[in-house]
Amino acid sequence: MSVRTPMTPSPPNSARGEVRIRPERCKGCELCIAHCPVGVLGLSTDFNAAGYHYPVVATDGCIACQACSAICPDFAIFAVPAGPLPQAEKPTMVA
């Protein structure tokens, strides 16, 4: 029996995304924490201005799947690709 191996090597860092949280919008439902497939979110011990605990990034490893964004009823959390975003080329002036 042969073992299947990936055709391309795994990236050195499995994190492909960064979680962005807007604590002031969160109502503490914890849906994002429950639905994160890689378990990078945890609940903060702090409160926001409305008195709710909000999510925090507990571990590095976001895969930018947007499950947190899709499940959040308050649009308080989303993920972006890890690392610097590619800069658009600046138009050049033609003389």
PDB file of N, CA and C in Angstrom:
ATOM      1  N   MET A   1       0.842  -1.176   0.000  1.00  0.00           N
ATOM      2  CA  MET A   1       0.000   0.000   0.000  1.00  0.00           C
ATOM      3  C   MET A   1       0.894   1.248   0.000  1.00  0.00           C
ATOM      4  N   SER A   2       0.597   2.180  -0.863  1.00  0.00           N
ATOM      5  CA  SER A   2       1.397   3.405  -0.928  1.00  0.00           C
ATOM      6  C   SER A   2       0.717   4.519  -0.142  1.00  0.00           C
ATOM      7  N   VAL A   3       1.548   5.425   0.340  1.00  0.00           N
ATOM      8  CA  VAL A   3       1.055   6.569   1.107  1.00  0.00           C
ATOM      9  C   VAL A   3       1.008   7.773   0.183  1.00  0.00           C
ATOM     10  N   ARG A   4      -0.111   8.460   0.209  1.00  0.00           N
ATOM     11  CA  ARG A   4      -0.246   9.656  -0.621  1.00  0.00           C
ATOM     12  C   ARG A   4       0.444  10.824   0.058  1.00  0.00           C
ATOM     13  N   THR A   5       1.189  11.578  -0.714  1.00  0.00           N
ATOM     14  CA  THR A   5       1.853  12.769  -0.200  1.00  0.00           C
ATOM     15  C   THR A   5       1.399  13.963  -1.021  1.00  0.00           C
ATOM     16  N   PRO A   6       1.431  15.148  -0.426  1.00  0.00           N
ATOM     17  CA  PRO A   6       1.010  16.330  -1.177  1.00  0.00           C
ATOM     18  C   PRO A   6       1.964  16.619  -2.331  1.00  0.00           C
ATOM     19  N   MET A   7       1.413  17.169  -3.397  1.00  0.00           N
ATOM     20  CA  MET A   7       2.230  17.499  -4.558  1.00  0.00           C
ATOM     21  C   MET A   7       3.078  18.739  -4.318  1.00  0.00           C
ATOM     22  N   THR A   8       2.595  19.621  -3.474  1.00  0.00           N
ATOM     23  CA  THR A   8       3.347  20.823  -3.148  1.00  0.00           C
ATOM     24  C   THR A   8       3.677  20.784  -1.664  1.00  0.00           C
ATOM     25  N   PRO A   9       4.827  21.269  -1.281  1.00  0.00           N
ATOM     26  CA  PRO A   9       5.175  21.249   0.142  1.00  0.00           C
ATOM     27  C   PRO A   9       4.291  22.200   0.941  1.00  0.00           C
ATOM     28  N   SER A  10       4.127  21.888   2.208  1.00  0.00           N
ATOM     29  CA  SER A  10       3.345  22.746   3.093  1.00  0.00           C
ATOM     30  C   SER A  10       4.116  24.035   3.338  1.00  0.00           C
ATOM     31  N   PRO A  11       3.410  25.142   3.508  1.00  0.00           N
ATOM     32  CA  PRO A  11       4.112  26.383   3.821  1.00  0.00           C
ATOM     33  C   PRO A  11       4.756  26.276   5.195  1.00  0.00           C
ATOM     34  N   PRO A  12       5.856  26.995   5.427  1.00  0.00           N
ATOM     35  CA  PRO A  12       6.532  26.897   6.713  1.00  0.00           C
ATOM     36  C   PRO A  12       5.664  27.329   7.884  1.00  0.00           C
ATOM     37  N   ASN A  13       4.800  28.297   7.680  1.00  0.00           N
ATOM     38  CA  ASN A  13       3.892  28.759   8.722  1.00  0.00           C
ATOM     39  C   ASN A  13       2.481  28.437   8.259  1.00  0.00           C
ATOM     40  N   SER A  14       1.740  27.702   9.075  1.00  0.00           N
ATOM     41  CA  SER A  14       0.404  27.292   8.657  1.00  0.00           C
ATOM     42  C   SER A  14      -0.602  28.441   8.700  1.00  0.00           C
ATOM     43  N   ALA A  15      -0.247  29.545   9.332  1.00  0.00           N
ATOM     44  CA  ALA A  15      -1.159  30.681   9.411  1.00  0.00           C
ATOM     45  C   ALA A  15      -1.261  31.348   8.046  1.00  0.00           C
ATOM     46  N   ARG A  16      -2.454  31.429   7.544  1.00  0.00           N
ATOM     47  CA  ARG A  16      -2.677  32.080   6.252  1.00  0.00           C
ATOM     48  C   ARG A  16      -3.527  33.321   6.395  1.00  0.00           C
ATOM     49  N   GLY A  17      -3.941  33.614   7.610  1.00  0.00           N
ATOM     50  CA  GLY A  17      -4.794  34.771   7.823  1.00  0.00           C
ATOM     51  C   GLY A  17      -4.568  35.410   9.181  1.00  0.00           C
ATOM     52  N   GLU A  18      -5.136  36.583   9.323  1.00  0.00           N
ATOM     53  CA  GLU A  18      -5.087  37.313  10.586  1.00  0.00           C
ATOM     54  C   GLU A  18      -6.509  37.706  10.949  1.00  0.00           C
ATOM     55  N   VAL A  19      -6.879  37.471  12.181  1.00  0.00           N
ATOM     56  CA  VAL A  19      -8.225  37.783  12.653  1.00  0.00           C
ATOM     57  C   VAL A  19      -8.264  39.247  13.079  1.00  0.00           C
ATOM     58  N   ARG A  20      -9.289  39.939  12.652  1.00  0.00           N
ATOM     59  CA  ARG A  20      -9.520  41.326  13.057  1.00  0.00           C
ATOM     60  C   ARG A  20     -10.828  41.360  13.845  1.00  0.00           C
ATOM     61  N   ILE A  21     -10.788  41.943  15.021  1.00  0.00           N
ATOM     62  CA  ILE A  21     -11.940  41.965  15.920  1.00  0.00           C
ATOM     63  C   ILE A  21     -12.300  43.405  16.246  1.00  0.00           C
ATOM     64  N   ARG A  22     -13.592  43.696  16.201  1.00  0.00           N
ATOM     65  CA  ARG A  22     -14.114  45.003  16.607  1.00  0.00           C
ATOM     66  C   ARG A  22     -14.838  44.801  17.931  1.00  0.00           C
ATOM     67  N   PRO A  23     -14.137  44.907  19.066  1.00  0.00           N
ATOM     68  CA  PRO A  23     -14.737  44.602  20.370  1.00  0.00           C
ATOM     69  C   PRO A  23     -15.987  45.420  20.678  1.00  0.00           C
ATOM     70  N   GLU A  24     -16.046  46.644  20.205  1.00  0.00           N
ATOM     71  CA  GLU A  24     -17.195  47.499  20.519  1.00  0.00           C
ATOM     72  C   GLU A  24     -18.486  47.017  19.875  1.00  0.00           C
ATOM     73  N   ARG A  25     -18.405  46.215  18.822  1.00  0.00           N
ATOM     74  CA  ARG A  25     -19.609  45.695  18.159  1.00  0.00           C
ATOM     75  C   ARG A  25     -20.086  44.365  18.735  1.00  0.00           C
ATOM     76  N   CYS A  26     -19.215  43.667  19.450  1.00  0.00           N
ATOM     77  CA  CYS A  26     -19.494  42.305  19.909  1.00  0.00           C
ATOM     78  C   CYS A  26     -20.541  42.288  21.026  1.00  0.00           C
ATOM     79  N   LYS A  27     -21.433  41.282  20.969  1.00  0.00           N
ATOM     80  CA  LYS A  27     -22.438  41.090  22.012  1.00  0.00           C
ATOM     81  C   LYS A  27     -22.216  39.781  22.776  1.00  0.00           C
ATOM     82  N   GLY A  28     -21.024  39.198  22.628  1.00  0.00           N
ATOM     83  CA  GLY A  28     -20.630  38.050  23.425  1.00  0.00           C
ATOM     84  C   GLY A  28     -21.366  36.756  23.164  1.00  0.00           C
ATOM     85  N   CYS A  29     -21.833  36.521  21.969  1.00  0.00           N
ATOM     86  CA  CYS A  29     -22.597  35.303  21.684  1.00  0.00           C
ATOM     87  C   CYS A  29     -21.708  34.057  21.591  1.00  0.00           C
ATOM     88  N   GLU A  30     -20.416  34.231  21.361  1.00  0.00           N
ATOM     89  CA  GLU A  30     -19.423  33.162  21.264  1.00  0.00           C
ATOM     90  C   GLU A  30     -19.608  32.247  20.052  1.00  0.00           C
ATOM     91  N   LEU A  31     -20.421  32.641  19.083  1.00  0.00           N
ATOM     92  CA  LEU A  31     -20.598  31.812  17.885  1.00  0.00           C
ATOM     93  C   LEU A  31     -19.302  31.684  17.088  1.00  0.00           C
ATOM     94  N   CYS A  32     -18.533  32.751  17.009  1.00  0.00           N
ATOM     95  CA  CYS A  32     -17.282  32.710  16.256  1.00  0.00           C
ATOM     96  C   CYS A  32     -16.302  31.725  16.896  1.00  0.00           C
ATOM     97  N   ILE A  33     -16.277  31.690  18.201  1.00  0.00           N
ATOM     98  CA  ILE A  33     -15.381  30.778  18.915  1.00  0.00           C
ATOM     99  C   ILE A  33     -15.783  29.330  18.643  1.00  0.00           C
ATOM    100  N   ALA A  34     -17.079  29.059  18.696  1.00  0.00           N
ATOM    101  CA  ALA A  34     -17.570  27.699  18.487  1.00  0.00           C
ATOM    102  C   ALA A  34     -17.403  27.225  17.048  1.00  0.00           C
ATOM    103  N   HIS A  35     -17.447  28.139  16.082  1.00  0.00           N
ATOM    104  CA  HIS A  35     -17.411  27.744  14.675  1.00  0.00           C
ATOM    105  C   HIS A  35     -16.039  27.852  14.021  1.00  0.00           C
ATOM    106  N   CYS A  36     -15.031  28.288  14.739  1.00  0.00           N
ATOM    107  CA  CYS A  36     -13.685  28.380  14.170  1.00  0.00           C
ATOM    108  C   CYS A  36     -13.138  26.967  13.979  1.00  0.00           C
ATOM    109  N   PRO A  37     -12.846  26.557  12.733  1.00  0.00           N
ATOM    110  CA  PRO A  37     -12.407  25.177  12.500  1.00  0.00           C
ATOM    111  C   PRO A  37     -11.018  24.867  13.032  1.00  0.00           C
ATOM    112  N   VAL A  38     -10.187  25.881  13.264  1.00  0.00           N
ATOM    113  CA  VAL A  38      -8.837  25.637  13.774  1.00  0.00           C
ATOM    114  C   VAL A  38      -8.670  26.084  15.219  1.00  0.00           C
ATOM    115  N   GLY A  39      -9.706  26.589  15.838  1.00  0.00           N
ATOM    116  CA  GLY A  39      -9.696  26.929  17.257  1.00  0.00           C
ATOM    117  C   GLY A  39      -8.733  28.026  17.664  1.00  0.00           C
ATOM    118  N   VAL A  40      -8.650  29.081  16.873  1.00  0.00           N
ATOM    119  CA  VAL A  40      -7.727  30.160  17.212  1.00  0.00           C
ATOM    120  C   VAL A  40      -8.344  31.224  18.116  1.00  0.00           C
ATOM    121  N   LEU A  41      -9.641  31.157  18.356  1.00  0.00           N
ATOM    122  CA  LEU A  41     -10.308  32.190  19.139  1.00  0.00           C
ATOM    123  C   LEU A  41     -10.601  31.734  20.564  1.00  0.00           C
ATOM    124  N   GLY A  42     -10.573  32.683  21.462  1.00  0.00           N
ATOM    125  CA  GLY A  42     -10.934  32.448  22.847  1.00  0.00           C
ATOM    126  C   GLY A  42     -11.734  33.631  23.345  1.00  0.00           C
ATOM    127  N   LEU A  43     -12.263  33.531  24.550  1.00  0.00           N
ATOM    128  CA  LEU A  43     -13.070  34.607  25.106  1.00  0.00           C
ATOM    129  C   LEU A  43     -12.218  35.496  26.002  1.00  0.00           C
ATOM    130  N   SER A  44     -12.326  36.781  25.829  1.00  0.00           N
ATOM    131  CA  SER A  44     -11.572  37.737  26.620  1.00  0.00           C
ATOM    132  C   SER A  44     -12.095  37.792  28.048  1.00  0.00           C
ATOM    133  N   THR A  45     -11.222  38.131  28.961  1.00  0.00           N
ATOM    134  CA  THR A  45     -11.656  38.351  30.342  1.00  0.00           C
ATOM    135  C   THR A  45     -12.107  39.793  30.535  1.00  0.00           C
ATOM    136  N   ASP A  46     -11.793  40.644  29.556  1.00  0.00           N
ATOM    137  CA  ASP A  46     -12.204  42.050  29.609  1.00  0.00           C
ATOM    138  C   ASP A  46     -13.614  42.216  29.061  1.00  0.00           C
ATOM    139  N   PHE A  47     -14.202  43.371  29.324  1.00  0.00           N
ATOM    140  CA  PHE A  47     -15.532  43.711  28.830  1.00  0.00           C
ATOM    141  C   PHE A  47     -15.420  44.855  27.841  1.00  0.00           C
ATOM    142  N   ASN A  48     -16.342  44.906  26.867  1.00  0.00           N
ATOM    143  CA  ASN A  48     -16.416  46.066  25.985  1.00  0.00           C
ATOM    144  C   ASN A  48     -17.313  47.124  26.645  1.00  0.00           C
ATOM    145  N   ALA A  49     -17.576  48.221  25.964  1.00  0.00           N
ATOM    146  CA  ALA A  49     -18.363  49.309  26.545  1.00  0.00           C
ATOM    147  C   ALA A  49     -19.795  48.895  26.860  1.00  0.00           C
ATOM    148  N   ALA A  50     -20.319  47.893  26.151  1.00  0.00           N
ATOM    149  CA  ALA A  50     -21.690  47.428  26.394  1.00  0.00           C
ATOM    150  C   ALA A  50     -21.757  46.371  27.501  1.00  0.00           C
ATOM    151  N   GLY A  51     -20.603  45.951  28.024  1.00  0.00           N
ATOM    152  CA  GLY A  51     -20.575  44.997  29.112  1.00  0.00           C
ATOM    153  C   GLY A  51     -20.473  43.545  28.704  1.00  0.00           C
ATOM    154  N   TYR A  52     -20.049  43.268  27.473  1.00  0.00           N
ATOM    155  CA  TYR A  52     -19.930  41.900  26.989  1.00  0.00           C
ATOM    156  C   TYR A  52     -18.465  41.490  26.891  1.00  0.00           C
ATOM    157  N   HIS A  53     -18.205  40.202  27.134  1.00  0.00           N
ATOM    158  CA  HIS A  53     -16.896  39.639  26.833  1.00  0.00           C
ATOM    159  C   HIS A  53     -16.819  39.487  25.316  1.00  0.00           C
ATOM    160  N   TYR A  54     -15.700  39.773  24.739  1.00  0.00           N
ATOM    161  CA  TYR A  54     -15.531  39.685  23.293  1.00  0.00           C
ATOM    162  C   TYR A  54     -14.439  38.661  22.969  1.00  0.00           C
ATOM    163  N   PRO A  55     -14.376  38.163  21.731  1.00  0.00           N
ATOM    164  CA  PRO A  55     -13.362  37.173  21.380  1.00  0.00           C
ATOM    165  C   PRO A  55     -11.981  37.806  21.246  1.00  0.00           C
ATOM    166  N   VAL A  56     -10.982  36.994  21.475  1.00  0.00           N
ATOM    167  CA  VAL A  56      -9.587  37.384  21.264  1.00  0.00           C
ATOM    168  C   VAL A  56      -8.891  36.247  20.528  1.00  0.00           C
ATOM    169  N   VAL A  57      -7.780  36.562  19.911  1.00  0.00           N
ATOM    170  CA  VAL A  57      -6.991  35.540  19.223  1.00  0.00           C
ATOM    171  C   VAL A  57      -6.171  34.814  20.285  1.00  0.00           C
ATOM    172  N   ALA A  58      -6.439  33.514  20.461  1.00  0.00           N
ATOM    173  CA  ALA A  58      -5.761  32.717  21.479  1.00  0.00           C
ATOM    174  C   ALA A  58      -4.500  32.053  20.952  1.00  0.00           C
ATOM    175  N   THR A  59      -4.510  31.640  19.693  1.00  0.00           N
ATOM    176  CA  THR A  59      -3.343  30.990  19.092  1.00  0.00           C
ATOM    177  C   THR A  59      -3.155  31.493  17.671  1.00  0.00           C
ATOM    178  N   ASP A  60      -1.948  31.340  17.174  1.00  0.00           N
ATOM    179  CA  ASP A  60      -1.657  31.704  15.793  1.00  0.00           C
ATOM    180  C   ASP A  60      -1.967  30.496  14.924  1.00  0.00           C
ATOM    181  N   GLY A  61      -2.650  30.688  13.854  1.00  0.00           N
ATOM    182  CA  GLY A  61      -2.979  29.573  12.978  1.00  0.00           C
ATOM    183  C   GLY A  61      -4.225  29.813  12.151  1.00  0.00           C
ATOM    184  N   CYS A  62      -4.666  31.061  12.072  1.00  0.00           N
ATOM    185  CA  CYS A  62      -5.852  31.402  11.278  1.00  0.00           C
ATOM    186  C   CYS A  62      -5.627  30.991   9.827  1.00  0.00           C
ATOM    187  N   ILE A  63      -6.626  30.364   9.238  1.00  0.00           N
ATOM    188  CA  ILE A  63      -6.526  29.937   7.842  1.00  0.00           C
ATOM    189  C   ILE A  63      -7.349  30.826   6.917  1.00  0.00           C
ATOM    190  N   ALA A  64      -7.872  31.926   7.434  1.00  0.00           N
ATOM    191  CA  ALA A  64      -8.643  32.902   6.657  1.00  0.00           C
ATOM    192  C   ALA A  64      -9.848  32.265   5.976  1.00  0.00           C
ATOM    193  N   CYS A  65     -10.525  31.373   6.666  1.00  0.00           N
ATOM    194  CA  CYS A  65     -11.679  30.673   6.076  1.00  0.00           C
ATOM    195  C   CYS A  65     -12.950  31.526   6.122  1.00  0.00           C
ATOM    196  N   GLN A  66     -12.964  32.576   6.923  1.00  0.00           N
ATOM    197  CA  GLN A  66     -14.091  33.493   7.074  1.00  0.00           C
ATOM    198  C   GLN A  66     -15.293  32.868   7.779  1.00  0.00           C
ATOM    199  N   ALA A  67     -15.113  31.746   8.471  1.00  0.00           N
ATOM    200  CA  ALA A  67     -16.223  31.153   9.227  1.00  0.00           C
ATOM    201  C   ALA A  67     -16.675  32.109  10.328  1.00  0.00           C
ATOM    202  N   CYS A  68     -15.743  32.783  10.961  1.00  0.00           N
ATOM    203  CA  CYS A  68     -16.092  33.726  12.027  1.00  0.00           C
ATOM    204  C   CYS A  68     -16.919  34.881  11.472  1.00  0.00           C
ATOM    205  N   SER A  69     -16.528  35.369  10.331  1.00  0.00           N
ATOM    206  CA  SER A  69     -17.240  36.471   9.701  1.00  0.00           C
ATOM    207  C   SER A  69     -18.632  36.060   9.246  1.00  0.00           C
ATOM    208  N   ALA A  70     -18.744  34.853   8.730  1.00  0.00           N
ATOM    209  CA  ALA A  70     -20.027  34.368   8.216  1.00  0.00           C
ATOM    210  C   ALA A  70     -21.035  34.128   9.331  1.00  0.00           C
ATOM    211  N   ILE A  71     -20.572  33.728  10.514  1.00  0.00           N
ATOM    212  CA  ILE A  71     -21.485  33.373  11.600  1.00  0.00           C
ATOM    213  C   ILE A  71     -21.807  34.560  12.514  1.00  0.00           C
ATOM    214  N   CYS A  72     -20.989  35.597  12.519  1.00  0.00           N
ATOM    215  CA  CYS A  72     -21.173  36.714  13.452  1.00  0.00           C
ATOM    216  C   CYS A  72     -22.392  37.561  13.085  1.00  0.00           C
ATOM    217  N   PRO A  73     -23.390  37.647  13.980  1.00  0.00           N
ATOM    218  CA  PRO A  73     -24.578  38.440  13.672  1.00  0.00           C
ATOM    219  C   PRO A  73     -24.352  39.949  13.782  1.00  0.00           C
ATOM    220  N   ASP A  74     -23.230  40.345  14.391  1.00  0.00           N
ATOM    221  CA  ASP A  74     -22.972  41.765  14.619  1.00  0.00           C
ATOM    222  C   ASP A  74     -21.844  42.331  13.762  1.00  0.00           C
ATOM    223  N   PHE A  75     -21.304  41.529  12.836  1.00  0.00           N
ATOM    224  CA  PHE A  75     -20.206  41.961  11.966  1.00  0.00           C
ATOM    225  C   PHE A  75     -19.031  42.496  12.784  1.00  0.00           C
ATOM    226  N   ALA A  76     -18.720  41.789  13.877  1.00  0.00           N
ATOM    227  CA  ALA A  76     -17.677  42.237  14.788  1.00  0.00           C
ATOM    228  C   ALA A  76     -16.330  41.570  14.537  1.00  0.00           C
ATOM    229  N   ILE A  77     -16.276  40.606  13.641  1.00  0.00           N
ATOM    230  CA  ILE A  77     -15.045  39.857  13.434  1.00  0.00           C
ATOM    231  C   ILE A  77     -14.917  39.448  11.970  1.00  0.00           C
ATOM    232  N   PHE A  78     -13.682  39.426  11.477  1.00  0.00           N
ATOM    233  CA  PHE A  78     -13.406  38.961  10.126  1.00  0.00           C
ATOM    234  C   PHE A  78     -11.936  38.592  10.035  1.00  0.00           C
ATOM    235  N   ALA A  79     -11.552  37.950   8.962  1.00  0.00           N
ATOM    236  CA  ALA A  79     -10.164  37.552   8.756  1.00  0.00           C
ATOM    237  C   ALA A  79      -9.646  38.164   7.462  1.00  0.00           C
ATOM    238  N   VAL A  80      -8.372  38.466   7.461  1.00  0.00           N
ATOM    239  CA  VAL A  80      -7.701  38.997   6.273  1.00  0.00           C
ATOM    240  C   VAL A  80      -6.510  38.101   5.961  1.00  0.00           C
ATOM    241  N   PRO A  81      -6.037  38.078   4.732  1.00  0.00           N
ATOM    242  CA  PRO A  81      -4.849  37.282   4.413  1.00  0.00           C
ATOM    243  C   PRO A  81      -3.646  37.720   5.256  1.00  0.00           C
ATOM    244  N   ALA A  82      -2.833  36.762   5.666  1.00  0.00           N
ATOM    245  CA  ALA A  82      -1.658  37.063   6.484  1.00  0.00           C
ATOM    246  C   ALA A  82      -0.605  37.798   5.674  1.00  0.00           C
ATOM    247  N   GLY A  83       0.160  38.600   6.353  1.00  0.00           N
ATOM    248  CA  GLY A  83       1.264  39.305   5.714  1.00  0.00           C
ATOM    249  C   GLY A  83       0.806  40.572   5.022  1.00  0.00           C
ATOM    250  N   PRO A  84       1.751  41.258   4.418  1.00  0.00           N
ATOM    251  CA  PRO A  84       1.407  42.502   3.731  1.00  0.00           C
ATOM    252  C   PRO A  84       0.574  42.233   2.491  1.00  0.00           C
ATOM    253  N   LEU A  85      -0.407  43.059   2.290  1.00  0.00           N
ATOM    254  CA  LEU A  85      -1.223  42.948   1.093  1.00  0.00           C
ATOM    255  C   LEU A  85      -0.436  43.488  -0.092  1.00  0.00           C
ATOM    256  N   PRO A  86      -0.594  42.897  -1.260  1.00  0.00           N
ATOM    257  CA  PRO A  86       0.147  43.403  -2.422  1.00  0.00           C
ATOM    258  C   PRO A  86      -0.280  44.824  -2.756  1.00  0.00           C
ATOM    259  N   GLN A  87       0.687  45.647  -3.022  1.00  0.00           N
ATOM    260  CA  GLN A  87       0.421  47.035  -3.368  1.00  0.00           C
ATOM    261  C   GLN A  87       0.091  47.140  -4.844  1.00  0.00           C
ATOM    262  N   ALA A  88      -0.905  47.940  -5.144  1.00  0.00           N
ATOM    263  CA  ALA A  88      -1.277  48.162  -6.542  1.00  0.00           C
ATOM    264  C   ALA A  88      -0.164  49.007  -7.196  1.00  0.00           C
ATOM    265  N   GLU A  89       0.067  48.709  -8.437  1.00  0.00           N
ATOM    266  CA  GLU A  89       1.086  49.479  -9.140  1.00  0.00           C
ATOM    267  C   GLU A  89       0.611  50.914  -9.319  1.00  0.00           C
ATOM    268  N   LYS A  90       1.523  51.835  -9.088  1.00  0.00           N
ATOM    269  CA  LYS A  90       1.185  53.238  -9.260  1.00  0.00           C
ATOM    270  C   LYS A  90       1.242  53.574 -10.748  1.00  0.00           C
ATOM    271  N   PRO A  91       0.280  54.347 -11.228  1.00  0.00           N
ATOM    272  CA  PRO A  91       0.327  54.730 -12.650  1.00  0.00           C
ATOM    273  C   PRO A  91       1.514  55.653 -12.896  1.00  0.00           C
ATOM    274  N   THR A  92       2.106  55.476 -14.008  1.00  0.00           N
ATOM    275  CA  THR A  92       3.249  56.328 -14.371  1.00  0.00           C
ATOM    276  C   THR A  92       2.772  57.415 -15.314  1.00  0.00           C
ATOM    277  N   MET A  93       3.397  58.558 -15.168  1.00  0.00           N
ATOM    278  CA  MET A  93       3.061  59.695 -16.024  1.00  0.00           C
ATOM    279  C   MET A  93       3.824  59.551 -17.341  1.00  0.00           C
ATOM    280  N   VAL A  94       3.134  59.699 -18.420  1.00  0.00           N
ATOM    281  CA  VAL A  94       3.761  59.635 -19.732  1.00  0.00           C
ATOM    282  C   VAL A  94       3.928  61.067 -20.220  1.00  0.00           C
ATOM    283  N   ALA A  95       5.159  61.400 -20.561  1.00  0.00           N
ATOM    284  CA  ALA A  95       5.447  62.784 -20.988  1.00  0.00           C
ATOM    285  C   ALA A  95       5.177  62.973 -22.447  1.00  0.00           C
TER     286      ALA A  95
END
